[in-house]
N, C-alpha and C. Protein backbone atom coordinates (compact mmCIF):
# COMPACT_ATOMS: atom_id res chain seq x y z
N MET A 1 22.14 52.10 60.14
CA MET A 1 23.58 51.92 60.04
C MET A 1 23.92 51.65 58.58
N PRO A 2 24.95 52.32 58.04
CA PRO A 2 25.30 52.10 56.64
C PRO A 2 25.83 50.69 56.42
N THR A 3 25.68 50.23 55.22
CA THR A 3 26.18 48.90 54.90
C THR A 3 27.69 48.91 54.82
N ARG A 4 28.27 47.73 54.85
CA ARG A 4 29.72 47.58 54.79
C ARG A 4 30.27 48.19 53.51
N GLU A 5 29.57 48.02 52.40
CA GLU A 5 30.04 48.55 51.12
C GLU A 5 30.08 50.09 51.14
N VAL A 6 29.07 50.70 51.76
CA VAL A 6 29.03 52.16 51.84
C VAL A 6 30.21 52.66 52.67
N ILE A 7 30.47 52.01 53.79
CA ILE A 7 31.58 52.42 54.65
C ILE A 7 32.90 52.23 53.92
N GLN A 8 33.05 51.10 53.20
CA GLN A 8 34.29 50.85 52.46
C GLN A 8 34.51 51.92 51.39
N ALA A 9 33.44 52.30 50.70
CA ALA A 9 33.56 53.30 49.64
C ALA A 9 33.88 54.68 50.23
N ARG A 10 33.26 55.01 51.34
CA ARG A 10 33.44 56.33 51.93
C ARG A 10 34.83 56.51 52.52
N PHE A 11 35.33 55.49 53.19
CA PHE A 11 36.61 55.64 53.89
C PHE A 11 37.77 54.95 53.19
N GLY A 12 37.52 54.20 52.13
CA GLY A 12 38.58 53.59 51.35
C GLY A 12 39.40 52.57 52.12
N VAL A 13 38.77 51.79 52.97
CA VAL A 13 39.49 50.77 53.72
C VAL A 13 39.05 49.40 53.26
N GLY A 14 39.83 48.41 53.65
CA GLY A 14 39.50 47.03 53.31
C GLY A 14 38.31 46.57 54.13
N THR A 15 38.29 45.30 54.47
CA THR A 15 37.20 44.75 55.24
C THR A 15 37.15 45.41 56.61
N ILE A 16 36.00 45.89 56.99
CA ILE A 16 35.86 46.51 58.31
C ILE A 16 34.67 45.89 59.02
N TRP A 17 34.72 45.94 60.31
CA TRP A 17 33.64 45.40 61.13
C TRP A 17 33.29 46.43 62.17
N ARG A 18 32.03 46.59 62.42
CA ARG A 18 31.57 47.46 63.51
C ARG A 18 30.78 46.59 64.46
N THR A 19 31.36 46.28 65.57
CA THR A 19 30.67 45.44 66.54
C THR A 19 30.58 46.18 67.85
N SER A 20 29.43 46.10 68.49
CA SER A 20 29.29 46.74 69.78
C SER A 20 28.61 45.82 70.78
N SER A 21 28.67 44.53 70.53
CA SER A 21 27.94 43.60 71.38
C SER A 21 28.52 43.53 72.79
N THR A 22 29.83 43.70 72.94
CA THR A 22 30.40 43.56 74.27
C THR A 22 30.35 44.84 75.08
N ARG A 23 30.40 45.99 74.42
CA ARG A 23 30.47 47.24 75.17
C ARG A 23 29.17 48.05 75.12
N ARG A 24 28.25 47.63 74.32
CA ARG A 24 26.97 48.32 74.20
C ARG A 24 27.16 49.79 73.84
N VAL A 25 28.02 50.04 72.87
CA VAL A 25 28.29 51.39 72.41
C VAL A 25 27.45 51.66 71.18
N ALA A 26 26.92 52.84 71.09
CA ALA A 26 26.14 53.20 69.91
C ALA A 26 27.04 53.12 68.68
N PRO A 27 26.60 52.51 67.58
CA PRO A 27 27.44 52.34 66.40
C PRO A 27 27.99 53.64 65.83
N GLU A 28 27.26 54.74 65.95
CA GLU A 28 27.76 56.00 65.38
C GLU A 28 28.94 56.56 66.18
N ARG A 29 29.15 56.11 67.42
CA ARG A 29 30.28 56.58 68.23
C ARG A 29 31.50 55.70 68.07
N MET A 30 31.34 54.58 67.40
CA MET A 30 32.44 53.63 67.29
C MET A 30 33.39 54.03 66.17
N PRO A 31 34.69 53.89 66.40
CA PRO A 31 35.64 54.20 65.34
C PRO A 31 35.65 53.10 64.29
N ILE A 32 36.10 53.46 63.13
CA ILE A 32 36.24 52.46 62.09
C ILE A 32 37.66 51.96 62.12
N THR A 33 37.81 50.65 62.29
CA THR A 33 39.13 50.06 62.36
C THR A 33 39.21 48.94 61.34
N GLU A 34 40.39 48.73 60.84
CA GLU A 34 40.59 47.64 59.90
C GLU A 34 40.74 46.35 60.70
N THR A 35 40.36 45.23 60.12
CA THR A 35 40.53 43.96 60.81
C THR A 35 41.49 43.10 60.03
N ASN A 36 42.23 42.31 60.78
CA ASN A 36 43.02 41.28 60.15
C ASN A 36 42.07 40.12 59.90
N GLU A 37 42.57 39.04 59.34
CA GLU A 37 41.68 37.92 59.09
C GLU A 37 41.12 37.42 60.41
N ARG A 38 39.92 36.87 60.35
CA ARG A 38 39.30 36.38 61.57
C ARG A 38 40.09 35.21 62.12
N SER A 39 40.28 35.19 63.42
CA SER A 39 40.99 34.11 64.06
C SER A 39 40.01 33.29 64.87
N GLU A 40 40.53 32.23 65.50
CA GLU A 40 39.67 31.39 66.33
C GLU A 40 39.17 32.16 67.55
N ARG A 41 39.95 33.15 68.01
CA ARG A 41 39.58 33.90 69.20
C ARG A 41 38.54 34.96 68.91
N GLY A 42 38.23 35.22 67.66
CA GLY A 42 37.26 36.25 67.32
C GLY A 42 37.90 37.31 66.46
N ASP A 43 37.30 38.49 66.46
CA ASP A 43 37.81 39.58 65.64
C ASP A 43 39.05 40.19 66.28
N ARG A 44 40.06 40.40 65.47
CA ARG A 44 41.26 41.09 65.93
C ARG A 44 41.35 42.36 65.13
N ARG A 45 41.15 43.48 65.79
CA ARG A 45 41.15 44.75 65.08
C ARG A 45 42.51 45.41 65.19
N SER A 46 42.88 46.13 64.16
CA SER A 46 44.10 46.93 64.23
C SER A 46 43.74 48.34 63.79
N CYS A 47 44.15 49.28 64.59
CA CYS A 47 43.85 50.68 64.29
C CYS A 47 44.82 51.21 63.26
N THR A 48 44.34 52.11 62.44
CA THR A 48 45.21 52.75 61.46
C THR A 48 46.17 53.69 62.19
N SER A 49 47.26 54.05 61.56
CA SER A 49 48.25 54.91 62.21
C SER A 49 47.66 56.30 62.47
N GLU A 50 46.75 56.75 61.59
CA GLU A 50 46.12 58.06 61.80
C GLU A 50 45.28 58.05 63.06
N LEU A 51 44.51 56.98 63.25
CA LEU A 51 43.67 56.87 64.43
C LEU A 51 44.52 56.78 65.69
N THR A 52 45.60 56.01 65.62
CA THR A 52 46.49 55.87 66.76
C THR A 52 47.10 57.21 67.15
N SER A 53 47.59 57.96 66.16
CA SER A 53 48.20 59.25 66.48
C SER A 53 47.16 60.24 67.01
N GLU A 54 45.93 60.15 66.52
CA GLU A 54 44.88 61.04 67.02
C GLU A 54 44.56 60.72 68.48
N ILE A 55 44.49 59.43 68.81
CA ILE A 55 44.19 59.02 70.18
C ILE A 55 45.32 59.46 71.11
N VAL A 56 46.57 59.27 70.68
CA VAL A 56 47.72 59.70 71.50
C VAL A 56 47.69 61.20 71.69
N GLY A 57 47.36 61.94 70.65
CA GLY A 57 47.27 63.40 70.76
C GLY A 57 46.21 63.83 71.76
N ARG A 58 45.07 63.14 71.76
CA ARG A 58 44.02 63.47 72.72
C ARG A 58 44.49 63.21 74.15
N CYS A 59 45.21 62.10 74.34
CA CYS A 59 45.69 61.77 75.69
C CYS A 59 46.74 62.76 76.17
N ARG A 60 47.64 63.15 75.28
CA ARG A 60 48.73 64.04 75.67
C ARG A 60 48.27 65.49 75.80
N ALA A 61 47.16 65.84 75.18
CA ALA A 61 46.65 67.20 75.28
C ALA A 61 46.14 67.52 76.68
N GLY A 62 45.79 66.49 77.42
CA GLY A 62 45.30 66.70 78.79
C GLY A 62 43.80 66.89 78.80
N GLY A 63 43.27 67.08 79.97
CA GLY A 63 41.83 67.30 80.10
C GLY A 63 41.06 66.01 80.34
N ARG A 64 41.49 64.94 79.68
CA ARG A 64 40.81 63.65 79.85
C ARG A 64 41.85 62.58 80.15
N SER A 65 41.47 61.60 80.96
CA SER A 65 42.39 60.53 81.30
C SER A 65 42.49 59.55 80.14
N ILE A 66 43.48 58.69 80.20
CA ILE A 66 43.67 57.68 79.16
C ILE A 66 42.46 56.76 79.12
N ALA A 67 41.93 56.41 80.27
CA ALA A 67 40.76 55.52 80.33
C ALA A 67 39.56 56.16 79.63
N GLU A 68 39.35 57.45 79.85
CA GLU A 68 38.22 58.13 79.21
C GLU A 68 38.39 58.17 77.69
N VAL A 69 39.60 58.47 77.24
CA VAL A 69 39.85 58.52 75.80
C VAL A 69 39.66 57.13 75.19
N ALA A 70 40.16 56.10 75.88
CA ALA A 70 40.02 54.73 75.37
C ALA A 70 38.56 54.33 75.27
N ARG A 71 37.78 54.64 76.31
CA ARG A 71 36.35 54.32 76.27
C ARG A 71 35.64 55.08 75.16
N GLY A 72 35.98 56.33 74.98
CA GLY A 72 35.34 57.15 73.95
C GLY A 72 35.65 56.67 72.54
N CYS A 73 36.81 56.08 72.34
CA CYS A 73 37.21 55.61 71.00
C CYS A 73 36.98 54.12 70.83
N ASP A 74 36.48 53.44 71.85
CA ASP A 74 36.24 51.99 71.83
C ASP A 74 37.51 51.23 71.50
N VAL A 75 38.56 51.57 72.23
CA VAL A 75 39.84 50.89 72.09
C VAL A 75 40.24 50.42 73.47
N ALA A 76 40.95 49.30 73.55
CA ALA A 76 41.37 48.77 74.85
C ALA A 76 42.31 49.74 75.55
N GLU A 77 42.09 49.93 76.83
CA GLU A 77 42.90 50.88 77.60
C GLU A 77 44.38 50.51 77.62
N PRO A 78 44.75 49.22 77.79
CA PRO A 78 46.19 48.89 77.77
C PRO A 78 46.87 49.25 76.44
N ALA A 79 46.14 49.13 75.35
CA ALA A 79 46.71 49.50 74.06
C ALA A 79 46.98 50.99 73.99
N VAL A 80 46.05 51.79 74.49
CA VAL A 80 46.23 53.25 74.48
C VAL A 80 47.40 53.63 75.39
N ARG A 81 47.51 52.99 76.56
CA ARG A 81 48.64 53.27 77.45
C ARG A 81 49.97 52.94 76.76
N ARG A 82 50.01 51.84 76.04
CA ARG A 82 51.23 51.44 75.32
C ARG A 82 51.57 52.46 74.23
N TRP A 83 50.55 52.92 73.50
CA TRP A 83 50.79 53.91 72.43
C TRP A 83 51.32 55.22 73.02
N VAL A 84 50.75 55.65 74.14
CA VAL A 84 51.20 56.89 74.77
C VAL A 84 52.63 56.74 75.27
N ALA A 85 52.95 55.59 75.88
CA ALA A 85 54.31 55.35 76.37
C ALA A 85 55.31 55.35 75.22
N GLU A 86 54.95 54.71 74.10
CA GLU A 86 55.83 54.70 72.93
C GLU A 86 56.04 56.11 72.38
N ALA A 87 54.99 56.91 72.38
CA ALA A 87 55.11 58.28 71.89
C ALA A 87 56.03 59.09 72.81
N GLU A 88 55.93 58.87 74.12
CA GLU A 88 56.80 59.58 75.06
C GLU A 88 58.25 59.15 74.89
N ILE A 89 58.49 57.87 74.65
CA ILE A 89 59.85 57.38 74.43
C ILE A 89 60.41 57.97 73.14
N ASP A 90 59.60 57.97 72.08
CA ASP A 90 60.05 58.52 70.79
C ASP A 90 60.35 60.01 70.90
N ALA A 91 59.61 60.72 71.76
CA ALA A 91 59.82 62.15 71.94
C ALA A 91 60.98 62.45 72.89
N GLY A 92 61.54 61.42 73.53
CA GLY A 92 62.65 61.61 74.44
C GLY A 92 62.23 62.02 75.84
N GLU A 93 60.95 61.92 76.15
CA GLU A 93 60.45 62.31 77.46
C GLU A 93 60.55 61.17 78.47
N ARG A 94 60.85 59.98 77.98
CA ARG A 94 60.87 58.79 78.82
C ARG A 94 62.04 57.93 78.38
N PRO A 95 62.73 57.26 79.33
CA PRO A 95 63.84 56.41 78.91
C PRO A 95 63.33 55.14 78.23
N GLY A 96 64.12 54.63 77.33
CA GLY A 96 63.77 53.40 76.63
C GLY A 96 64.19 53.46 75.18
N LEU A 97 63.97 52.36 74.47
CA LEU A 97 64.32 52.29 73.05
C LEU A 97 63.22 52.93 72.22
N SER A 98 63.61 53.83 71.33
CA SER A 98 62.63 54.45 70.44
C SER A 98 62.21 53.44 69.38
N SER A 99 61.20 53.78 68.62
CA SER A 99 60.71 52.89 67.57
C SER A 99 61.80 52.58 66.55
N GLU A 100 62.56 53.61 66.17
CA GLU A 100 63.64 53.41 65.20
C GLU A 100 64.72 52.50 65.76
N GLU A 101 65.07 52.69 67.03
CA GLU A 101 66.08 51.83 67.65
C GLU A 101 65.60 50.39 67.75
N ARG A 102 64.32 50.21 68.08
CA ARG A 102 63.76 48.86 68.16
C ARG A 102 63.78 48.17 66.80
N GLU A 103 63.43 48.91 65.74
CA GLU A 103 63.47 48.34 64.39
C GLU A 103 64.89 47.96 64.00
N GLU A 104 65.85 48.83 64.31
CA GLU A 104 67.24 48.55 63.98
C GLU A 104 67.73 47.33 64.75
N LEU A 105 67.36 47.22 66.03
CA LEU A 105 67.77 46.09 66.84
C LEU A 105 67.22 44.79 66.27
N SER A 106 65.96 44.78 65.87
CA SER A 106 65.39 43.55 65.31
C SER A 106 66.04 43.22 63.97
N ARG A 107 66.37 44.24 63.17
CA ARG A 107 67.06 43.99 61.90
C ARG A 107 68.43 43.39 62.14
N LEU A 108 69.16 43.93 63.13
CA LEU A 108 70.49 43.42 63.44
C LEU A 108 70.43 41.99 63.99
N ARG A 109 69.40 41.70 64.77
CA ARG A 109 69.25 40.33 65.29
C ARG A 109 68.96 39.35 64.16
N ARG A 110 68.11 39.75 63.20
CA ARG A 110 67.86 38.88 62.04
C ARG A 110 69.14 38.63 61.25
N GLU A 111 69.90 39.70 61.04
CA GLU A 111 71.15 39.59 60.29
C GLU A 111 72.14 38.70 61.03
N SER A 112 72.23 38.85 62.34
CA SER A 112 73.12 38.03 63.14
C SER A 112 72.74 36.55 63.05
N LYS A 113 71.44 36.28 63.08
CA LYS A 113 70.95 34.91 62.98
C LYS A 113 71.32 34.30 61.63
N ARG A 114 71.16 35.09 60.57
CA ARG A 114 71.50 34.62 59.22
C ARG A 114 73.00 34.36 59.11
N LEU A 115 73.82 35.26 59.65
CA LEU A 115 75.27 35.09 59.58
C LEU A 115 75.72 33.89 60.40
N GLN A 116 75.08 33.64 61.54
CA GLN A 116 75.43 32.48 62.35
C GLN A 116 75.09 31.19 61.60
N ALA A 117 73.97 31.20 60.86
CA ALA A 117 73.61 30.02 60.06
C ALA A 117 74.65 29.81 58.96
N ASP A 118 75.15 30.88 58.36
CA ASP A 118 76.20 30.77 57.34
C ASP A 118 77.48 30.18 57.93
N VAL A 119 77.86 30.63 59.12
CA VAL A 119 79.06 30.12 59.78
C VAL A 119 78.90 28.63 60.08
N ASP A 120 77.73 28.23 60.58
CA ASP A 120 77.49 26.82 60.86
C ASP A 120 77.60 25.96 59.60
N LEU A 121 77.05 26.47 58.50
CA LEU A 121 77.13 25.75 57.23
C LEU A 121 78.58 25.60 56.77
N LEU A 122 79.36 26.67 56.89
CA LEU A 122 80.76 26.61 56.47
C LEU A 122 81.57 25.67 57.36
N GLU A 123 81.26 25.64 58.64
CA GLU A 123 81.95 24.70 59.54
C GLU A 123 81.66 23.26 59.16
N ARG A 124 80.41 22.95 58.84
CA ARG A 124 80.06 21.59 58.41
C ARG A 124 80.72 21.25 57.08
N ALA A 125 80.76 22.21 56.16
CA ALA A 125 81.40 21.96 54.87
C ALA A 125 82.89 21.73 55.04
N THR A 126 83.51 22.50 55.92
CA THR A 126 84.94 22.32 56.17
C THR A 126 85.21 20.93 56.74
N ALA A 127 84.40 20.49 57.70
CA ALA A 127 84.56 19.17 58.29
C ALA A 127 84.37 18.08 57.25
N PHE A 128 83.40 18.25 56.37
CA PHE A 128 83.14 17.27 55.30
C PHE A 128 84.33 17.14 54.36
N PHE A 129 84.85 18.28 53.90
CA PHE A 129 85.97 18.23 52.96
C PHE A 129 87.26 17.79 53.64
N ALA A 130 87.40 18.05 54.93
CA ALA A 130 88.60 17.62 55.64
C ALA A 130 88.61 16.10 55.73
N LYS A 131 87.44 15.48 55.95
CA LYS A 131 87.34 14.03 55.99
C LYS A 131 87.67 13.42 54.63
N GLU A 132 87.19 14.04 53.60
CA GLU A 132 87.32 13.51 52.25
C GLU A 132 88.78 13.52 51.78
N THR A 133 89.57 14.47 52.21
CA THR A 133 90.94 14.57 51.76
C THR A 133 91.88 13.63 52.49
N ARG A 134 91.47 13.04 53.59
CA ARG A 134 92.33 12.12 54.36
C ARG A 134 92.44 10.79 53.72
């Protein structure tokens, strides 16, 4: 198995981990995924967008079930199901909020929260100055 430095140089990614202790998968069949910092629960891997789109493409192409694709790529099946569902929503094949709509909604909620904090501050300032002028 190549060293971590060789893998980093070849694929140009940050810290990567290849672990197969829980699934007993041969290391050469395992995908390379980036990891976030280690947490108390263990390794938390995040797939690159290229890998995610490739997995979704394999699932949507047919021929293999989502479970088979997930096992072959060493990714959790619920994650693959979620990615496929999001791709179907974005393509308009399924009802729901698309990725762009979800991002806009979260941006609007943040903005609303900030504006509500501004209103609360102005109300307190108004009450303060109203007391002072009496």
